[in-house]
Amino acid sequence: VTWTAEEVVRVGRERCGGQGYLSANRFGSMIGFCHAGLTAEGDNAVLMQKVAKELLVLRASKVNLLPLPPQSQPHSPGDKTKSIKHVDEQRRLLFARENALGALLAKETALASSSSSSGGDDVFESWMMKLSDEVQLYALAFAERLALERLVECEHAKQRASDNGKNARILGLLRELFFLDVVRRGASWFVKNGLLNGAELAVADARRGELCDILGLQLPHLVEAFGIPPELVAAPIAADWVSYNAGDNKGEHVELSWNAATAARL
């Protein structure tokens, strides 16, 4: 969450141009808050090591924290390029990645333990110095699969709602965009391990662009869905920034009349 929050604030500041520099728009304080979250109670990367360790323990006991995806159906040539748009195929791909990374880390950890003369010390050294990338990737793969499964649950819940499935369709688009973003960031791993090929990645990348265009039109509704109280929207960039820019605000200064109450009325 904190990694995502930091990225959102950083990219948001960049997209707002000069307005992103103004302290009145609070990007600076939010960036500081996000960095504090990244290191509170231990850096995120350290916490990922704990996640990976717990996952290996559960794996050895054959305990699944998340539901298993449906069994894959045989693909005729060219079919898989289309099927990665389907939620079941998305679930299978992220499960396959997590499972493969877990198997690799378990194997390498067992080798380090068997060749160890001092027990846990050598395993710890191996995780820190030799298997750090594998540890981080395994924990991240679980986190991303967890996010996808929770999106699927929300999507199914909204399908039973009384809005004719409109919210479910939006959630489905968000779930698909999230999956395609995961694929894009991990493209080399998926190709190297034979889970996707170049043609499938090309289709995925094109679809990602389509979804950005579609969901861009829904952004006001998506932001509103967070239910942020108007009194918390005190930054000019989040309210009537056109009126704010109409006068001379002396750079960083905000007029006395511009406060939370004013923003709430806009």
Protein backbone atom coordinates (compact mmCIF):
# COMPACT_ATOMS: atom_id res chain seq x y z
CA VAL A 1 0.00 0.00 0.00
CA THR A 2 2.72 2.48 0.94
CA TRP A 3 4.70 1.76 -2.24
CA THR A 4 1.57 2.41 -4.29
CA ALA A 5 0.70 5.55 -2.32
CA GLU A 6 4.19 6.97 -2.88
CA GLU A 7 3.96 6.29 -6.61
CA VAL A 8 0.51 7.90 -6.85
CA VAL A 9 1.63 11.05 -5.05
CA ARG A 10 4.89 11.30 -7.01
CA VAL A 11 3.25 10.84 -10.41
CA GLY A 12 0.37 13.10 -9.39
CA ARG A 13 2.78 15.89 -8.51
CA GLU A 14 4.51 15.52 -11.88
CA ARG A 15 1.21 15.58 -13.80
CA CYS A 16 0.12 18.77 -12.05
CA GLY A 17 3.07 20.72 -13.42
CA GLY A 18 3.85 23.94 -11.56
CA GLN A 19 0.84 23.46 -9.29
CA GLY A 20 2.56 20.37 -7.95
CA TYR A 21 5.30 22.54 -6.42
CA LEU A 22 2.96 24.72 -4.35
CA SER A 23 2.88 23.83 -0.67
CA ALA A 24 -0.80 24.83 -0.66
CA ASN A 25 -1.51 21.74 -2.74
CA ARG A 26 0.08 19.52 -0.08
CA PHE A 27 2.04 17.19 -2.34
CA GLY A 28 5.18 17.81 -0.30
CA SER A 29 3.59 16.75 2.98
CA MET A 30 2.03 13.70 1.33
CA ILE A 31 5.37 12.61 -0.16
CA GLY A 32 6.94 12.91 3.29
CA PHE A 33 4.09 10.92 4.82
CA CYS A 34 4.49 8.16 2.22
CA HIS A 35 8.23 7.88 2.83
CA ALA A 36 7.57 7.61 6.56
CA GLY A 37 5.14 4.77 5.80
CA LEU A 38 7.76 3.02 3.67
CA THR A 39 10.15 2.75 6.61
CA ALA A 40 7.86 2.60 9.66
CA GLU A 41 8.39 -0.59 11.68
CA GLY A 42 11.07 -1.65 9.20
CA ASP A 43 11.61 -0.99 5.52
CA ASN A 44 9.07 -2.62 3.19
CA ALA A 45 11.77 -4.85 1.69
CA VAL A 46 12.56 -6.21 5.17
CA LEU A 47 8.89 -6.93 5.80
CA MET A 48 8.73 -8.77 2.48
CA GLN A 49 11.35 -11.18 3.83
CA LYS A 50 9.06 -12.00 6.75
CA VAL A 51 6.19 -12.56 4.32
CA ALA A 52 8.32 -14.93 2.23
CA LYS A 53 9.42 -16.86 5.32
CA GLU A 54 5.83 -17.34 6.50
CA LEU A 55 4.75 -18.39 3.02
CA LEU A 56 7.45 -21.07 2.86
CA VAL A 57 6.28 -22.47 6.21
CA LEU A 58 2.69 -22.64 4.93
CA ARG A 59 3.88 -24.12 1.65
CA ALA A 60 5.70 -26.93 3.46
CA SER A 61 2.45 -27.67 5.33
CA LYS A 62 0.46 -27.55 2.05
CA VAL A 63 -1.70 -24.71 3.34
CA ASN A 64 -3.21 -22.37 0.75
CA LEU A 65 -4.09 -18.90 2.01
CA LEU A 66 -5.84 -18.03 -1.25
CA PRO A 67 -8.36 -19.99 -3.33
CA LEU A 68 -6.88 -22.07 -6.12
CA PRO A 69 -7.84 -20.97 -9.64
CA PRO A 70 -9.94 -23.21 -11.90
CA GLN A 71 -8.07 -25.82 -13.90
CA SER A 72 -6.77 -24.59 -17.22
CA GLN A 73 -8.48 -25.70 -20.42
CA PRO A 74 -6.42 -26.78 -23.45
CA HIS A 75 -5.76 -23.92 -25.87
CA SER A 76 -5.92 -24.22 -29.62
CA PRO A 77 -3.22 -22.27 -31.49
CA GLY A 78 -3.78 -18.53 -31.05
CA ASP A 79 -6.51 -18.95 -28.44
CA LYS A 80 -4.39 -18.02 -25.45
CA THR A 81 -3.78 -14.57 -26.91
CA LYS A 82 -7.49 -13.90 -26.41
CA SER A 83 -7.95 -15.85 -23.19
CA ILE A 84 -5.60 -13.71 -21.06
CA LYS A 85 -8.47 -11.22 -20.97
CA HIS A 86 -10.48 -13.82 -19.03
CA VAL A 87 -10.43 -13.64 -15.26
CA ASP A 88 -9.76 -17.36 -14.79
CA GLU A 89 -6.67 -17.23 -17.02
CA GLN A 90 -5.45 -14.17 -15.13
CA ARG A 91 -5.85 -16.01 -11.84
CA ARG A 92 -4.03 -19.06 -13.24
CA LEU A 93 -1.09 -17.02 -14.50
CA LEU A 94 -0.52 -15.23 -11.19
CA PHE A 95 -0.91 -18.51 -9.30
CA ALA A 96 1.60 -20.22 -11.61
CA ARG A 97 4.11 -17.41 -11.06
CA GLU A 98 3.73 -17.48 -7.27
CA ASN A 99 3.98 -21.27 -7.20
CA ALA A 100 7.08 -21.36 -9.39
CA LEU A 101 8.83 -18.67 -7.36
CA GLY A 102 7.92 -20.43 -4.11
CA ALA A 103 9.25 -23.75 -5.38
CA LEU A 104 12.51 -22.13 -6.45
CA LEU A 105 13.01 -20.32 -3.14
CA ALA A 106 12.15 -23.45 -1.14
CA LYS A 107 14.68 -25.47 -3.15
CA GLU A 108 17.47 -22.90 -2.80
CA THR A 109 16.76 -22.46 0.92
CA ALA A 110 16.89 -26.24 1.46
CA LEU A 111 20.23 -26.42 -0.37
CA ALA A 112 21.63 -23.61 1.78
CA SER A 113 20.41 -25.37 4.92
CA SER A 114 21.80 -28.79 3.93
CA SER A 115 25.24 -27.37 3.19
CA SER A 116 25.25 -25.27 6.33
CA SER A 117 27.66 -25.99 9.13
CA SER A 118 26.02 -23.51 11.50
CA GLY A 119 22.34 -24.04 10.82
CA GLY A 120 20.21 -20.94 10.57
CA ASP A 121 23.13 -18.53 10.31
CA ASP A 122 24.09 -19.75 6.84
CA VAL A 123 20.47 -19.72 5.69
CA PHE A 124 20.12 -16.13 6.85
CA GLU A 125 23.35 -15.20 5.07
CA SER A 126 22.12 -16.91 1.91
CA TRP A 127 18.80 -15.05 1.99
CA MET A 128 20.54 -11.72 2.52
CA MET A 129 23.41 -12.08 0.07
CA LYS A 130 22.40 -14.63 -2.58
CA LEU A 131 18.61 -15.02 -2.65
CA SER A 132 17.44 -11.49 -1.94
CA ASP A 133 15.86 -11.06 -5.38
CA GLU A 134 14.07 -14.42 -5.16
CA VAL A 135 12.74 -13.56 -1.69
CA GLN A 136 11.39 -10.19 -2.81
CA LEU A 137 9.85 -11.60 -6.00
CA TYR A 138 8.08 -14.42 -4.14
CA ALA A 139 6.56 -12.10 -1.55
CA LEU A 140 5.53 -9.60 -4.22
CA ALA A 141 3.97 -12.35 -6.34
CA PHE A 142 1.83 -13.38 -3.38
CA ALA A 143 0.82 -9.78 -2.67
CA GLU A 144 -0.18 -9.17 -6.28
CA ARG A 145 -2.13 -12.42 -6.44
CA LEU A 146 -3.85 -11.50 -3.18
CA ALA A 147 -4.86 -8.14 -4.67
CA LEU A 148 -6.25 -9.84 -7.79
CA GLU A 149 -8.26 -12.36 -5.76
CA ARG A 150 -9.76 -9.60 -3.59
CA LEU A 151 -10.72 -7.67 -6.72
CA VAL A 152 -12.43 -10.78 -8.07
CA GLU A 153 -14.34 -11.17 -4.79
CA CYS A 154 -15.52 -7.53 -4.91
CA GLU A 155 -16.47 -7.92 -8.56
CA HIS A 156 -18.59 -11.01 -7.83
CA ALA A 157 -20.25 -9.29 -4.85
CA LYS A 158 -21.24 -6.32 -7.00
CA GLN A 159 -22.64 -8.63 -9.67
CA ARG A 160 -25.32 -9.55 -7.16
CA ALA A 161 -26.13 -5.90 -6.38
CA SER A 162 -29.22 -4.03 -7.55
CA ASP A 163 -27.46 -1.73 -10.04
CA ASN A 164 -27.67 -4.18 -12.96
CA GLY A 165 -24.00 -5.00 -12.55
CA LYS A 166 -22.74 -1.53 -13.54
CA ASN A 167 -20.28 -1.30 -10.66
CA ALA A 168 -19.21 -4.89 -11.26
CA ARG A 169 -18.28 -4.00 -14.84
CA ILE A 170 -16.14 -1.09 -13.65
CA LEU A 171 -14.46 -3.30 -11.07
CA GLY A 172 -13.85 -5.88 -13.78
CA LEU A 173 -12.05 -3.29 -15.90
CA LEU A 174 -9.96 -2.21 -12.90
CA ARG A 175 -9.10 -5.83 -12.15
CA GLU A 176 -8.06 -6.41 -15.76
CA LEU A 177 -5.94 -3.24 -15.80
CA PHE A 178 -4.24 -4.27 -12.57
CA PHE A 179 -3.45 -7.71 -14.00
CA LEU A 180 -2.04 -6.23 -17.21
CA ASP A 181 0.12 -3.83 -15.20
CA VAL A 182 1.51 -6.78 -13.23
CA VAL A 183 2.25 -8.57 -16.52
CA ARG A 184 3.94 -5.50 -17.97
CA ARG A 185 6.23 -5.06 -14.97
CA GLY A 186 7.09 -8.77 -14.89
CA ALA A 187 7.11 -9.37 -18.66
CA SER A 188 10.64 -10.77 -18.78
CA TRP A 189 9.86 -13.36 -16.09
CA PHE A 190 6.64 -14.51 -17.78
CA VAL A 191 8.41 -14.92 -21.13
CA LYS A 192 11.53 -16.56 -19.69
CA ASN A 193 9.41 -19.13 -17.87
CA GLY A 194 7.18 -19.89 -20.84
CA LEU A 195 3.93 -18.53 -19.39
CA LEU A 196 3.52 -15.85 -22.07
CA ASN A 197 5.07 -15.09 -25.44
CA GLY A 198 5.76 -11.96 -27.43
CA ALA A 199 2.43 -12.00 -29.28
CA GLU A 200 0.51 -12.31 -26.02
CA LEU A 201 2.47 -9.46 -24.46
CA ALA A 202 1.70 -7.28 -27.48
CA VAL A 203 -2.01 -7.98 -27.09
CA ALA A 204 -1.78 -7.32 -23.36
CA ASP A 205 -0.01 -4.01 -23.90
CA ALA A 206 -2.56 -2.85 -26.47
CA ARG A 207 -5.42 -3.82 -24.17
CA ARG A 208 -3.80 -1.91 -21.32
CA GLY A 209 -3.90 1.25 -23.42
CA GLU A 210 -7.57 0.65 -24.25
CA LEU A 211 -8.44 0.24 -20.59
CA CYS A 212 -6.65 3.46 -19.64
CA ASP A 213 -8.77 5.31 -22.22
CA ILE A 214 -11.99 3.69 -20.99
CA LEU A 215 -11.33 4.16 -17.28
CA GLY A 216 -10.06 7.70 -17.79
CA LEU A 217 -13.66 8.72 -18.46
CA GLN A 218 -14.67 7.18 -15.13
CA LEU A 219 -12.01 8.91 -13.01
CA PRO A 220 -14.34 11.45 -11.34
CA HIS A 221 -16.63 8.61 -10.24
CA LEU A 222 -13.70 6.45 -9.10
CA VAL A 223 -12.29 9.26 -6.98
CA GLU A 224 -15.73 9.98 -5.53
CA ALA A 225 -16.07 6.30 -4.61
CA PHE A 226 -13.33 6.74 -1.98
CA GLY A 227 -15.85 8.77 0.01
CA ILE A 228 -13.38 11.45 1.09
CA PRO A 229 -15.29 14.07 3.18
CA PRO A 230 -15.34 17.50 1.47
CA GLU A 231 -13.86 19.17 4.57
CA LEU A 232 -10.66 17.19 4.02
CA VAL A 233 -10.27 18.53 0.49
CA ALA A 234 -8.44 21.71 1.49
CA ALA A 235 -5.91 21.82 -1.37
CA PRO A 236 -6.77 24.23 -4.21
CA ILE A 237 -5.75 21.68 -6.86
CA ALA A 238 -8.49 19.37 -5.53
CA ALA A 239 -11.19 22.06 -5.63
CA ASP A 240 -11.77 25.05 -7.88
CA TRP A 241 -8.21 25.59 -9.01
CA VAL A 242 -9.37 27.88 -11.86
CA SER A 243 -10.74 30.39 -9.33
CA TYR A 244 -7.62 29.95 -7.20
CA ASN A 245 -5.44 30.90 -10.18
CA ALA A 246 -7.58 33.92 -11.10
CA GLY A 247 -5.84 36.16 -8.58
CA ASP A 248 -2.34 36.76 -7.33
CA ASN A 249 -1.71 34.32 -4.49
CA LYS A 250 1.91 35.43 -4.03
CA GLY A 251 3.26 32.04 -5.02
CA GLU A 252 2.89 29.80 -2.00
CA HIS A 253 0.42 31.96 -0.10
CA VAL A 254 -3.25 31.09 0.22
CA GLU A 255 -5.82 33.82 0.77
CA LEU A 256 -7.39 33.83 4.21
CA SER A 257 -10.76 33.15 2.61
CA TRP A 258 -9.42 29.92 1.11
CA ASN A 259 -9.78 27.23 3.75
CA ALA A 260 -11.41 23.88 4.30
CA ALA A 261 -14.88 25.41 4.63
CA THR A 262 -14.45 27.25 1.33
CA ALA A 263 -13.26 24.09 -0.40
CA ALA A 264 -16.22 22.14 0.97
CA ARG A 265 -18.66 24.55 -0.63
CA LEU A 266 -17.12 24.20 -4.13
